Amino acid sequence: MRVESWGRLASLEHEVRSLVGCNGVLPAFKSGRGGLAYGNGRSYGDVCLNPGGGLWLTAGLDRFLSFDESTGIITCEAGVLLRDIQRLMIPRGWMLPVTPGTQLVTVGGAIANDVHGKNHHRVGSFGDHVAEIRLQRTDGETIVCGPDQKPGWFAATVGGLGLTGVIIETSLQLRQVAGPWLDTETQPYQNLEEFFALADGSEEGWEHTVSWIDCISGGGGRGIFMRGNHVEHFGDAEPAGKKLSVPFAPPVSLINRLSLRPFNTAYYHLQSAKAGRSRAHYEKFFYPLDNILNWNRIYGPRGFYQYQSVVPRAVGKDAVKAMLKEIANSGDGSFLAVLKTFGNRRSVGMLSFPQPGVTLALDFPNKGERTLKLFERLDAVVREAGGRIYPAKDARMPRDLFESGYPRLGEFMNYRDPGISSALSRRLMGT
């Protein structure tokens, strides 16, 4: 069947098999063709695709196995969605310490891409809170690993892009919370100097920080800075309002030269009018786009790319300014542009994306060669700054930038499962 990733850049033929229960994993490997675990398909590029080969769907690995109320450790299968953990555990006073901008990803996918959230400066990335992984290799070997148990396997699998085996079970360390609410504050800023002052000034007193940036206003970089802290019990009500939906992909991208500047200007002024403090439900604050079903369709039939980079903090302001200038000069841009800082901590995984510095994430409608040429210019900025690109979002990174950005790649290759391959691994690793 044809399968596409969230970026909808291509719909490609795969041999698809569903994994139902851990006992069904090994038989799926015996199809005679190499494969790749596929969770909920929320990766933007080709990390979750294996065109011409097999995909092993993990949606059937969806059982909760145990929970220790005294320690907050939950054990579940890899196909469980982060949303389901949150909705089950928050009423019981526990939640995931780290989640990305959508909760509609599987636990296995969150580990394989070592996802990060708005609180990296406090608690690191998803892999920092994984207590144990049960990994099924295609040769039949089962490996159980953790921070203190086969740590090499653990470091290769966290952020390992699904290439060390199929994650079938995991134990996660949850954190205690009083309820689903956060105390939040919104502040507009006019330039990158103000952004960095807000980011630095928020690290000590605020757990969650993130900003939207207007990427078409040139190197100035005006935007909206948002920060939040968990609060004591405030109420049990779920966030109000119906979910919106994009029912079909329009014939052309709705994000284009005619719409982008009015979009960004309106968003900046609307959010500026809401400046100040308020209370927000965790779903609204952490996952705003989850309220718009199939939002990826707004980019039209050709899909879209996401370009997310991280550059060292010492050169962060200059590098971000240079990238914004290239985007403004191109005449293109992004409405969904996110700028934030990472904490000064080393990632668990050999191929984990987060590193100390500044990360900029942008969505661009696919305009073919024009878009790819812009990315080449952004690559040059990232390369000169000594940064890296996020593989979970990538669909076209050059191999030399991958190799320079991930210096532990050679060490990681010792843990590759030869029966697993992806479009990304063939593009960037050769196999």
Protein backbone atom coordinates (compact mmCIF):
# COMPACT_ATOMS: atom_id res chain seq x y z
CA MET A 1 0.00 0.00 0.00
CA ARG A 2 0.99 3.63 -0.39
CA VAL A 3 2.22 5.38 2.75
CA GLU A 4 3.25 8.98 3.33
CA SER A 5 4.83 10.87 6.22
CA TRP A 6 3.31 13.96 7.85
CA GLY A 7 5.00 16.27 5.34
CA ARG A 8 3.01 14.63 2.50
CA LEU A 9 5.93 15.08 0.08
CA ALA A 10 5.33 11.69 -1.57
CA SER A 11 3.02 8.69 -1.26
CA LEU A 12 5.20 5.62 -1.70
CA GLU A 13 4.63 1.86 -2.07
CA HIS A 14 5.38 -0.29 0.99
CA GLU A 15 4.73 -3.86 2.08
CA VAL A 16 2.78 -3.27 5.28
CA ARG A 17 2.38 -5.68 8.19
CA SER A 18 0.65 -4.95 11.50
CA LEU A 19 2.26 -5.96 14.76
CA VAL A 20 -0.37 -7.21 17.21
CA GLY A 21 1.06 -8.07 20.60
CA CYS A 22 4.74 -8.65 21.30
CA ASN A 23 4.43 -12.28 20.20
CA GLY A 24 3.51 -11.10 16.72
CA VAL A 25 6.73 -9.20 16.14
CA LEU A 26 9.10 -12.02 15.15
CA PRO A 27 6.72 -13.57 12.56
CA ALA A 28 6.50 -10.19 10.83
CA PHE A 29 10.26 -10.23 10.31
CA LYS A 30 10.06 -13.44 8.28
CA SER A 31 8.54 -11.85 5.21
CA GLY A 32 11.93 -12.01 3.52
CA ARG A 33 12.21 -8.24 3.02
CA GLY A 34 13.88 -5.68 5.23
CA GLY A 35 11.57 -3.46 7.20
CA LEU A 36 11.09 -0.53 9.55
CA ALA A 37 8.83 0.12 12.54
CA TYR A 38 6.12 2.71 11.79
CA GLY A 39 4.23 4.39 14.62
CA ASN A 40 1.66 7.11 14.02
CA GLY A 41 3.37 8.64 10.98
CA ARG A 42 3.99 12.08 12.54
CA SER A 43 7.60 12.37 11.38
CA TYR A 44 7.80 15.04 8.70
CA GLY A 45 10.36 13.59 6.30
CA ASP A 46 11.55 10.11 5.34
CA VAL A 47 12.78 8.75 8.69
CA CYS A 48 9.55 6.70 9.02
CA LEU A 49 9.42 5.50 5.39
CA ASN A 50 10.96 2.49 3.66
CA PRO A 51 9.78 2.68 0.03
CA GLY A 52 10.02 -0.64 -1.78
CA GLY A 53 10.47 -2.46 1.55
CA GLY A 54 8.46 -3.37 4.60
CA LEU A 55 6.77 -1.28 7.25
CA TRP A 56 5.83 -2.88 10.57
CA LEU A 57 2.90 -0.95 12.03
CA THR A 58 3.15 -0.69 15.81
CA ALA A 59 -0.37 0.61 16.46
CA GLY A 60 -1.35 -2.87 17.72
CA LEU A 61 1.32 -2.71 20.43
CA ASP A 62 -0.93 -0.50 22.53
CA ARG A 63 -1.19 -2.11 25.97
CA PHE A 64 -0.39 -0.57 29.34
CA LEU A 65 1.46 -3.24 31.32
CA SER A 66 2.09 -1.84 34.80
CA PHE A 67 2.32 1.32 36.90
CA ASP A 68 4.10 1.79 40.23
CA GLU A 69 2.29 4.54 42.14
CA SER A 70 5.14 4.89 44.62
CA THR A 71 7.84 5.58 42.01
CA GLY A 72 5.85 6.87 39.03
CA ILE A 73 7.31 4.29 36.62
CA ILE A 74 4.90 3.18 33.91
CA THR A 75 5.55 0.23 31.59
CA CYS A 76 3.77 0.01 28.24
CA GLU A 77 4.12 -1.26 24.70
CA ALA A 78 5.72 0.92 22.07
CA GLY A 79 2.56 1.71 20.11
CA VAL A 80 0.88 3.58 22.98
CA LEU A 81 0.29 7.25 22.14
CA LEU A 82 1.68 9.95 24.42
CA ARG A 83 -1.85 11.39 24.52
CA ASP A 84 -3.17 8.22 26.12
CA ILE A 85 -0.50 8.26 28.82
CA GLN A 86 -1.27 11.89 29.60
CA ARG A 87 -5.04 11.43 29.79
CA LEU A 88 -4.75 8.29 31.89
CA MET A 89 -2.12 9.53 34.33
CA ILE A 90 -2.70 13.26 34.89
CA PRO A 91 -5.95 12.64 36.84
CA ARG A 92 -3.80 10.34 39.01
CA GLY A 93 -1.24 13.07 39.66
CA TRP A 94 1.45 12.04 37.16
CA MET A 95 2.47 13.11 33.66
CA LEU A 96 5.23 12.66 31.10
CA PRO A 97 8.18 14.96 31.91
CA VAL A 98 8.85 15.66 28.21
CA THR A 99 6.54 15.80 25.19
CA PRO A 100 6.99 17.41 21.75
CA GLY A 101 4.58 19.82 20.04
CA THR A 102 2.09 17.02 19.39
CA GLN A 103 0.92 14.28 21.74
CA LEU A 104 -0.19 12.13 18.80
CA VAL A 105 3.10 10.25 18.58
CA THR A 106 3.88 6.77 19.87
CA VAL A 107 6.19 6.00 22.76
CA GLY A 108 8.45 4.07 20.38
CA GLY A 109 8.65 7.00 18.00
CA ALA A 110 9.37 9.41 20.86
CA ILE A 111 12.32 7.26 21.93
CA ALA A 112 13.62 6.61 18.41
CA ASN A 113 13.70 10.35 17.68
CA ASP A 114 14.55 11.41 21.26
CA VAL A 115 11.91 14.14 21.08
CA HIS A 116 12.21 17.33 23.10
CA GLY A 117 9.74 19.82 24.50
CA LYS A 118 9.57 23.33 25.87
CA ASN A 119 11.48 22.45 29.05
CA HIS A 120 14.79 21.09 27.78
CA HIS A 121 16.74 23.54 29.94
CA ARG A 122 15.18 21.91 33.03
CA VAL A 123 14.73 18.20 32.27
CA GLY A 124 16.44 17.40 28.96
CA SER A 125 14.81 15.29 26.24
CA PHE A 126 12.53 12.24 26.24
CA GLY A 127 15.42 9.79 26.53
CA ASP A 128 16.45 11.26 29.87
CA HIS A 129 13.30 9.73 31.38
CA VAL A 130 13.40 6.26 29.84
CA ALA A 131 14.19 3.66 32.50
CA GLU A 132 14.27 0.55 30.28
CA ILE A 133 13.77 -0.51 26.66
CA ARG A 134 12.93 -3.97 25.35
CA LEU A 135 14.33 -4.18 21.83
CA GLN A 136 13.58 -6.94 19.32
CA ARG A 137 16.28 -7.53 16.72
CA THR A 138 15.40 -9.03 13.35
CA ASP A 139 17.73 -11.99 13.97
CA GLY A 140 15.52 -13.04 16.90
CA GLU A 141 17.65 -11.62 19.73
CA THR A 142 15.85 -9.64 22.44
CA ILE A 143 17.89 -6.93 24.14
CA VAL A 144 16.82 -5.25 27.37
CA CYS A 145 18.75 -2.04 27.97
CA GLY A 146 18.66 1.10 30.08
CA PRO A 147 20.90 3.85 31.45
CA ASP A 148 22.69 1.30 33.67
CA GLN A 149 22.00 -1.89 31.72
CA LYS A 150 23.80 -2.33 28.41
CA PRO A 151 24.26 1.45 28.22
CA GLY A 152 25.78 1.25 24.74
CA TRP A 153 22.61 -0.30 23.34
CA PHE A 154 20.56 2.26 25.24
CA ALA A 155 22.54 5.21 23.85
CA ALA A 156 22.27 3.83 20.31
CA THR A 157 18.51 3.20 20.54
CA VAL A 158 17.51 6.53 22.12
CA GLY A 159 17.55 8.85 19.12
CA GLY A 160 18.59 5.89 16.96
CA LEU A 161 15.92 6.53 14.30
CA GLY A 162 14.46 3.03 14.68
CA LEU A 163 17.58 1.43 13.20
CA THR A 164 18.82 -0.72 16.11
CA GLY A 165 15.76 -2.98 16.28
CA VAL A 166 12.04 -2.70 16.97
CA ILE A 167 11.21 -1.16 20.34
CA ILE A 168 8.39 -3.31 21.71
CA GLU A 169 8.16 -2.29 25.38
CA THR A 170 9.51 0.48 27.57
CA SER A 171 9.41 1.75 31.13
CA LEU A 172 9.16 5.51 31.62
CA GLN A 173 9.73 7.67 34.68
CA LEU A 174 6.77 10.04 35.08
CA ARG A 175 6.73 13.25 37.14
CA GLN A 176 4.22 14.31 39.75
CA VAL A 177 1.81 17.16 38.99
CA ALA A 178 -1.09 18.68 40.90
CA GLY A 179 -3.36 18.84 37.86
CA PRO A 180 -3.69 19.74 34.18
CA TRP A 181 -3.20 23.52 34.49
CA LEU A 182 -0.30 25.90 33.93
CA ASP A 183 0.35 29.48 34.90
CA THR A 184 1.44 31.09 31.62
CA GLU A 185 2.78 34.41 30.42
CA THR A 186 2.91 35.83 26.89
CA GLN A 187 5.31 38.63 25.92
CA PRO A 188 5.93 40.16 22.49
CA TYR A 189 9.51 40.96 21.54
CA GLN A 190 10.87 43.19 18.79
CA ASN A 191 14.24 41.64 17.92
CA LEU A 192 16.62 38.78 18.67
CA GLU A 193 18.34 40.71 21.45
CA GLU A 194 15.02 40.88 23.30
CA PHE A 195 14.37 37.19 22.60
CA PHE A 196 17.66 36.08 24.14
CA ALA A 197 17.15 38.36 27.15
CA LEU A 198 13.73 36.76 27.71
CA ALA A 199 15.06 33.24 27.19
CA ASP A 200 17.98 33.72 29.58
CA GLY A 201 15.86 35.52 32.13
CA SER A 202 13.22 32.77 32.11
CA GLU A 203 15.45 29.72 32.67
CA GLU A 204 15.56 29.96 36.45
CA GLY A 205 11.93 30.84 37.17
CA TRP A 206 10.02 29.14 34.33
CA GLU A 207 10.01 25.48 33.35
CA HIS A 208 8.50 25.79 29.86
CA THR A 209 9.69 28.39 27.35
CA VAL A 210 9.16 28.76 23.61
CA SER A 211 8.59 31.50 21.06
CA TRP A 212 6.97 32.07 17.71
CA ILE A 213 9.06 34.24 15.41
CA ASP A 214 8.05 36.24 12.35
CA CYS A 215 10.57 34.88 9.87
CA ILE A 216 9.65 37.26 7.03
CA SER A 217 10.41 40.47 8.91
CA GLY A 218 14.11 40.15 8.01
CA GLY A 219 16.99 39.75 10.44
CA GLY A 220 15.19 41.79 13.12
CA GLY A 221 13.18 38.84 14.34
CA ARG A 222 10.10 40.11 16.12
CA GLY A 223 8.01 37.45 17.81
CA ILE A 224 5.94 36.20 20.71
CA PHE A 225 7.60 34.62 23.77
CA MET A 226 5.56 32.18 25.86
CA ARG A 227 6.45 30.59 29.18
CA GLY A 228 4.67 28.46 31.73
CA ASN A 229 4.82 26.66 35.07
CA HIS A 230 2.66 23.89 36.49
CA VAL A 231 0.32 25.13 39.22
CA GLU A 232 -1.50 23.68 42.18
CA HIS A 233 -4.92 22.16 41.64
CA PHE A 234 -7.10 24.59 39.70
CA GLY A 235 -9.88 22.45 38.25
CA ASP A 236 -10.56 19.26 36.36
CA ALA A 237 -12.38 20.64 33.32
CA GLU A 238 -11.05 19.71 29.90
CA PRO A 239 -10.21 22.57 27.52
CA ALA A 240 -13.36 23.96 25.92
CA GLY A 241 -14.07 24.09 22.21
CA LYS A 242 -14.50 21.77 19.23
CA LYS A 243 -11.60 20.59 17.18
CA LEU A 244 -11.29 22.14 13.73
CA SER A 245 -10.47 20.04 10.69
CA VAL A 246 -8.96 20.55 7.25
CA PRO A 247 -11.19 18.20 5.23
CA PHE A 248 -9.06 18.02 2.08
CA ALA A 249 -5.86 19.35 0.54
CA PRO A 250 -6.57 22.48 -1.52
CA PRO A 251 -5.25 22.58 -5.10
CA VAL A 252 -2.55 25.08 -4.06
CA SER A 253 -0.81 25.77 -0.77
CA LEU A 254 -2.69 28.19 1.47
CA ILE A 255 0.71 29.33 2.79
CA ASN A 256 2.06 31.46 -0.04
CA ARG A 257 3.41 34.92 -0.82
CA LEU A 258 -0.05 36.46 -0.83
CA SER A 259 -1.14 35.00 2.50
CA LEU A 260 2.06 34.78 4.53
CA ARG A 261 2.70 38.42 5.39
CA PRO A 262 -0.93 39.16 6.40
CA PHE A 263 -0.95 35.87 8.38
CA ASN A 264 2.20 36.70 10.30
CA THR A 265 1.23 40.32 10.90
CA ALA A 266 -2.23 39.36 12.16
CA TYR A 267 -0.85 36.62 14.40
CA TYR A 268 1.76 38.93 15.92
CA HIS A 269 -0.76 41.64 16.75
CA LEU A 270 -3.43 39.22 18.01
CA GLN A 271 -0.99 37.52 20.36
CA SER A 272 0.49 40.86 21.44
CA ALA A 273 -3.00 41.93 22.49
CA LYS A 274 -3.11 38.89 24.80
CA ALA A 275 0.19 39.80 26.51
CA GLY A 276 0.27 39.07 30.21
CA ARG A 277 -0.48 36.16 32.50
CA SER A 278 -3.25 33.60 32.34
CA ARG A 279 -4.10 29.99 33.15
CA ALA A 280 -3.94 27.40 30.39
CA HIS A 281 -4.81 23.72 30.16
CA TYR A 282 -1.76 21.62 29.31
CA GLU A 283 -3.21 20.44 25.97
CA LYS A 284 -3.79 23.99 24.76
CA PHE A 285 -0.35 25.18 25.89
CA PHE A 286 1.74 22.19 24.75
CA TYR A 287 -0.12 20.99 21.63
CA PRO A 288 -1.99 23.88 19.95
CA LEU A 289 -1.90 22.28 16.50
CA ASP A 290 -3.53 19.07 17.75
CA ASN A 291 -6.77 21.05 17.82
CA ILE A 292 -6.66 21.29 14.00
CA LEU A 293 -7.10 17.84 12.53
CA ASN A 294 -5.11 17.16 9.34
CA TRP A 295 -3.53 20.62 9.44
CA ASN A 296 -0.76 19.32 7.18
CA ARG A 297 -3.20 19.51 4.27
CA ILE A 298 -3.09 23.34 4.19
CA TYR A 299 0.16 23.10 2.23
CA GLY A 300 -1.62 21.65 -0.78
CA PRO A 301 -0.96 18.58 -2.92
CA ARG A 302 2.83 18.95 -3.00
CA GLY A 303 3.21 18.85 0.78
CA PHE A 304 5.75 20.71 2.85
CA TYR A 305 9.21 20.50 4.40
CA GLN A 306 10.20 21.30 7.93
CA TYR A 307 13.69 22.63 8.46
CA GLN A 308 14.87 22.45 12.07
CA SER A 309 18.42 23.23 13.09
CA VAL A 310 20.35 23.79 16.29
CA VAL A 311 23.49 25.94 16.47
CA PRO A 312 25.85 26.56 19.41
CA ARG A 313 24.83 29.37 21.72
CA ALA A 314 28.05 31.35 21.23
CA VAL A 315 27.13 31.98 17.58
CA GLY A 316 23.39 31.56 17.97
CA LYS A 317 22.27 35.13 17.49
CA ASP A 318 24.41 35.68 14.39
CA ALA A 319 23.42 32.34 12.86
CA VAL A 320 19.68 32.84 13.45
CA LYS A 321 19.91 36.37 12.09
CA ALA A 322 21.68 35.07 8.96
CA MET A 323 19.02 32.37 8.43
CA LEU A 324 16.19 34.89 8.84
CA LYS A 325 17.87 37.17 6.33
CA GLU A 326 18.17 34.36 3.77
CA ILE A 327 14.49 33.51 4.25
CA ALA A 328 13.38 37.13 3.89
CA ASN A 329 15.53 37.60 0.77
CA SER A 330 14.09 34.45 -0.80
CA GLY A 331 10.58 35.89 -0.80
CA ASP A 332 9.33 32.71 0.86
CA GLY A 333 8.74 32.07 4.52
CA SER A 334 7.03 30.11 7.23
CA PHE A 335 3.97 30.77 9.35
CA LEU A 336 4.83 27.97 11.78
CA ALA A 337 8.24 29.23 12.92
CA VAL A 338 9.51 28.31 16.39
CA LEU A 339 12.62 29.64 18.13
CA LYS A 340 13.85 28.40 21.51
CA THR A 341 17.01 27.64 23.46
CA PHE A 342 18.28 24.26 24.61
CA GLY A 343 19.84 23.78 28.03
CA ASN A 344 23.51 23.19 28.68
CA ARG A 345 23.33 19.41 28.87
CA ARG A 346 24.52 16.46 26.80
CA SER A 347 21.94 14.23 25.18
CA VAL A 348 21.59 10.55 26.08
CA GLY A 349 21.57 9.21 22.54
CA MET A 350 24.45 8.92 20.09
CA LEU A 351 22.29 10.50 17.36
CA SER A 352 20.08 12.66 19.58
CA PHE A 353 19.35 16.06 18.10
CA PRO A 354 19.33 18.39 21.15
CA GLN A 355 22.61 20.04 22.06
CA PRO A 356 23.37 23.23 23.99
CA GLY A 357 22.38 26.13 21.79
CA VAL A 358 19.52 27.69 19.85
CA THR A 359 17.03 25.79 17.72
CA LEU A 360 14.95 27.26 14.89
CA ALA A 361 12.15 25.21 13.27
CA LEU A 362 10.30 26.36 10.15
CA ASP A 363 7.70 24.87 7.78
CA PHE A 364 7.93 25.63 4.05
CA PRO A 365 5.52 24.64 1.28
CA ASN A 366 7.20 22.42 -1.28
CA LYS A 367 8.08 24.58 -4.29
CA GLY A 368 10.56 22.12 -5.73
CA GLU A 369 14.00 23.37 -6.70
CA ARG A 370 13.32 26.87 -5.37
CA THR A 371 12.77 25.53 -1.85
CA LEU A 372 15.76 23.19 -2.03
CA LYS A 373 18.04 26.06 -3.07
CA LEU A 374 16.91 28.05 -0.03
CA PHE A 375 17.73 25.06 2.18
CA GLU A 376 21.22 24.89 0.69
CA ARG A 377 21.80 28.48 1.81
CA LEU A 378 20.45 27.68 5.28
CA ASP A 379 22.68 24.58 5.38
CA ALA A 380 25.70 26.81 4.75
CA VAL A 381 24.84 28.90 7.81
CA VAL A 382 24.32 25.81 9.99
CA ARG A 383 27.52 24.19 8.72
CA GLU A 384 29.62 27.29 9.39
CA ALA A 385 28.12 27.62 12.88
CA GLY A 386 28.94 24.00 13.75
CA GLY A 387 25.27 23.04 14.09
CA ARG A 388 23.10 20.13 13.03
CA ILE A 389 19.73 19.32 11.41
CA TYR A 390 16.98 17.28 13.10
CA PRO A 391 16.63 13.91 11.28
CA ALA A 392 13.04 13.41 12.53
CA LYS A 393 12.00 16.46 10.51
CA ASP A 394 14.35 16.02 7.56
CA ALA A 395 13.73 14.91 3.97
CA ARG A 396 16.78 16.27 2.12
CA MET A 397 19.77 16.95 4.40
CA PRO A 398 23.13 16.47 2.60
CA ARG A 399 25.18 13.56 3.88
CA ASP A 400 28.23 15.65 4.78
CA LEU A 401 26.14 17.88 7.06
CA PHE A 402 24.71 14.81 8.79
CA GLU A 403 28.16 13.35 9.33
CA SER A 404 29.64 16.57 10.69
CA GLY A 405 26.60 17.26 12.89
CA TYR A 406 26.58 13.80 14.48
CA PRO A 407 30.18 12.91 15.39
CA ARG A 408 29.15 9.65 17.14
CA LEU A 409 27.78 8.21 13.89
CA GLY A 410 30.68 5.76 13.52
CA GLU A 411 30.08 4.43 17.03
CA PHE A 412 26.35 4.14 16.34
CA MET A 413 26.89 2.01 13.22
CA ASN A 414 28.14 -0.85 15.44
CA TYR A 415 24.57 -1.22 16.76
CA ARG A 416 22.69 -1.14 13.45
CA ASP A 417 20.25 -3.96 12.79
CA PRO A 418 21.08 -5.21 9.26
CA GLY A 419 17.45 -6.24 8.76
CA ILE A 420 16.18 -2.67 9.23
CA SER A 421 16.44 0.14 6.72
CA SER A 422 14.70 3.42 5.92
CA ALA A 423 14.71 6.00 3.18
CA LEU A 424 16.65 8.28 5.53
CA SER A 425 19.26 5.66 6.45
CA ARG A 426 19.94 4.83 2.81
CA ARG A 427 20.23 8.52 1.97
CA LEU A 428 22.50 9.48 4.87
CA MET A 429 24.26 6.24 5.87
CA GLY A 430 24.31 4.26 2.63
CA THR A 431 22.26 1.32 3.97
